């Protein structure tokens, strides 16, 4: 998860995503899990694929069979 912050910091995170190592940047929380819940007081705007979605406490789930990765 990447903390909200100034656009310049977002550009630095984008560079980290492109080059690798974004998980070690300040303001980035990196974990492995199949499900994560973010607890919030009230409703806030989430940026979901470039769209703002108003939501409160939200659970994110990953279906391990949803994506096939081919290496090599």
C-alpha atoms as a PDB file:
ATOM      1  CA  UNK A   1       0.000   0.000   0.000  1.00  0.00           C
ATOM      2  CA  UNK A   2       1.289   3.455  -0.847  1.00  0.00           C
ATOM      3  CA  UNK A   3       0.486   6.361   1.482  1.00  0.00           C
ATOM      4  CA  UNK A   4      -1.313   9.385   0.112  1.00  0.00           C
ATOM      5  CA  UNK A   5       1.040  12.275  -0.474  1.00  0.00           C
ATOM      6  CA  UNK A   6       2.320  14.853  -2.921  1.00  0.00           C
ATOM      7  CA  UNK A   7       2.400  14.071  -6.648  1.00  0.00           C
ATOM      8  CA  UNK A   8       6.204  14.235  -6.676  1.00  0.00           C
ATOM      9  CA  UNK A   9       6.321  11.341  -4.194  1.00  0.00           C
ATOM     10  CA  UNK A  10       3.872   9.424  -6.401  1.00  0.00           C
ATOM     11  CA  UNK A  11       6.266   9.869  -9.328  1.00  0.00           C
ATOM     12  CA  UNK A  12       9.078   8.435  -7.183  1.00  0.00           C
ATOM     13  CA  UNK A  13       6.897   5.425  -6.334  1.00  0.00           C
ATOM     14  CA  UNK A  14       6.061   4.962 -10.024  1.00  0.00           C
ATOM     15  CA  UNK A  15       9.780   4.923 -10.817  1.00  0.00           C
ATOM     16  CA  UNK A  16      10.270   2.325  -8.065  1.00  0.00           C
ATOM     17  CA  UNK A  17       7.496   0.185  -9.542  1.00  0.00           C
ATOM     18  CA  UNK A  18       9.150   0.373 -12.957  1.00  0.00           C
ATOM     19  CA  UNK A  19      12.721  -0.290 -11.781  1.00  0.00           C
ATOM     20  CA  UNK A  20      11.945  -2.577  -8.820  1.00  0.00           C
ATOM     21  CA  UNK A  21      12.402  -1.921  -5.144  1.00  0.00           C
ATOM     22  CA  UNK A  22       9.224   0.072  -4.524  1.00  0.00           C
ATOM     23  CA  UNK A  23       8.589  -2.050  -1.414  1.00  0.00           C
ATOM     24  CA  UNK A  24      11.672  -0.595   0.246  1.00  0.00           C
ATOM     25  CA  UNK A  25      10.651   3.043  -0.331  1.00  0.00           C
ATOM     26  CA  UNK A  26       9.515   5.239   2.561  1.00  0.00           C
ATOM     27  CA  UNK A  27       5.713   5.387   2.778  1.00  0.00           C
ATOM     28  CA  UNK A  28       5.198   1.949   1.196  1.00  0.00           C
ATOM     29  CA  UNK A  29       3.866  -1.020   3.153  1.00  0.00           C
ATOM     30  CA  UNK A  30       4.649  -4.404   1.588  1.00  0.00           C
ATOM     31  CA  UNK A  31       3.050  -7.678   2.717  1.00  0.00           C
ATOM     32  CA  UNK A  32       1.958 -10.976   1.156  1.00  0.00           C
ATOM     33  CA  UNK A  33      -1.600 -12.099   1.792  1.00  0.00           C
ATOM     34  CA  UNK A  34      -4.717 -13.362   0.065  1.00  0.00           C
ATOM     35  CA  UNK A  35      -6.945 -10.858   1.881  1.00  0.00           C
ATOM     36  CA  UNK A  36      -6.408  -7.461   3.489  1.00  0.00           C
ATOM     37  CA  UNK A  37      -8.883  -5.231   5.294  1.00  0.00           C
ATOM     38  CA  UNK A  38      -8.322  -1.503   5.670  1.00  0.00           C
ATOM     39  CA  UNK A  39     -10.365  -0.144   8.587  1.00  0.00           C
ATOM     40  CA  UNK A  40     -11.462   3.487   8.325  1.00  0.00           C
ATOM     41  CA  UNK A  41     -13.600   5.890  10.331  1.00  0.00           C
ATOM     42  CA  UNK A  42     -16.133   7.138   7.808  1.00  0.00           C
ATOM     43  CA  UNK A  43     -16.076   7.257   4.024  1.00  0.00           C
ATOM     44  CA  UNK A  44     -13.054   8.367   1.992  1.00  0.00           C
ATOM     45  CA  UNK A  45     -12.303   8.490  -1.747  1.00  0.00           C
ATOM     46  CA  UNK A  46     -10.235   5.525  -3.018  1.00  0.00           C
ATOM     47  CA  UNK A  47      -8.367   5.739  -6.320  1.00  0.00           C
ATOM     48  CA  UNK A  48      -9.324   2.537  -8.137  1.00  0.00           C
ATOM     49  CA  UNK A  49      -7.785   2.280 -11.617  1.00  0.00           C
ATOM     50  CA  UNK A  50      -7.909   6.062 -11.974  1.00  0.00           C
ATOM     51  CA  UNK A  51     -11.506   6.412 -10.771  1.00  0.00           C
ATOM     52  CA  UNK A  52     -12.446   7.837  -7.356  1.00  0.00           C
ATOM     53  CA  UNK A  53     -14.740   5.510  -5.404  1.00  0.00           C
ATOM     54  CA  UNK A  54     -16.198   6.598  -2.054  1.00  0.00           C
ATOM     55  CA  UNK A  55     -15.974   3.770   0.487  1.00  0.00           C
ATOM     56  CA  UNK A  56     -15.401   3.141   4.164  1.00  0.00           C
ATOM     57  CA  UNK A  57     -13.749   0.054   5.627  1.00  0.00           C
ATOM     58  CA  UNK A  58     -12.775  -2.074   2.628  1.00  0.00           C
ATOM     59  CA  UNK A  59     -11.630  -5.665   2.161  1.00  0.00           C
ATOM     60  CA  UNK A  60      -9.344  -6.565  -0.731  1.00  0.00           C
ATOM     61  CA  UNK A  61      -9.198 -10.195  -1.875  1.00  0.00           C
ATOM     62  CA  UNK A  62      -7.012 -11.980  -4.394  1.00  0.00           C
ATOM     63  CA  UNK A  63      -8.100 -15.169  -6.099  1.00  0.00           C
ATOM     64  CA  UNK A  64      -4.863 -17.158  -6.553  1.00  0.00           C
ATOM     65  CA  UNK A  65      -6.308 -18.905  -9.633  1.00  0.00           C
ATOM     66  CA  UNK A  66      -7.327 -15.642 -11.327  1.00  0.00           C
ATOM     67  CA  UNK A  67      -3.950 -15.006 -12.962  1.00  0.00           C
ATOM     68  CA  UNK A  68      -1.472 -17.292 -14.674  1.00  0.00           C
ATOM     69  CA  UNK A  69       2.146 -16.161 -14.775  1.00  0.00           C
ATOM     70  CA  UNK A  70       4.483 -17.636 -17.369  1.00  0.00           C
ATOM     71  CA  UNK A  71       8.217 -17.137 -16.874  1.00  0.00           C
ATOM     72  CA  UNK A  72      10.951 -18.016 -19.331  1.00  0.00           C
END
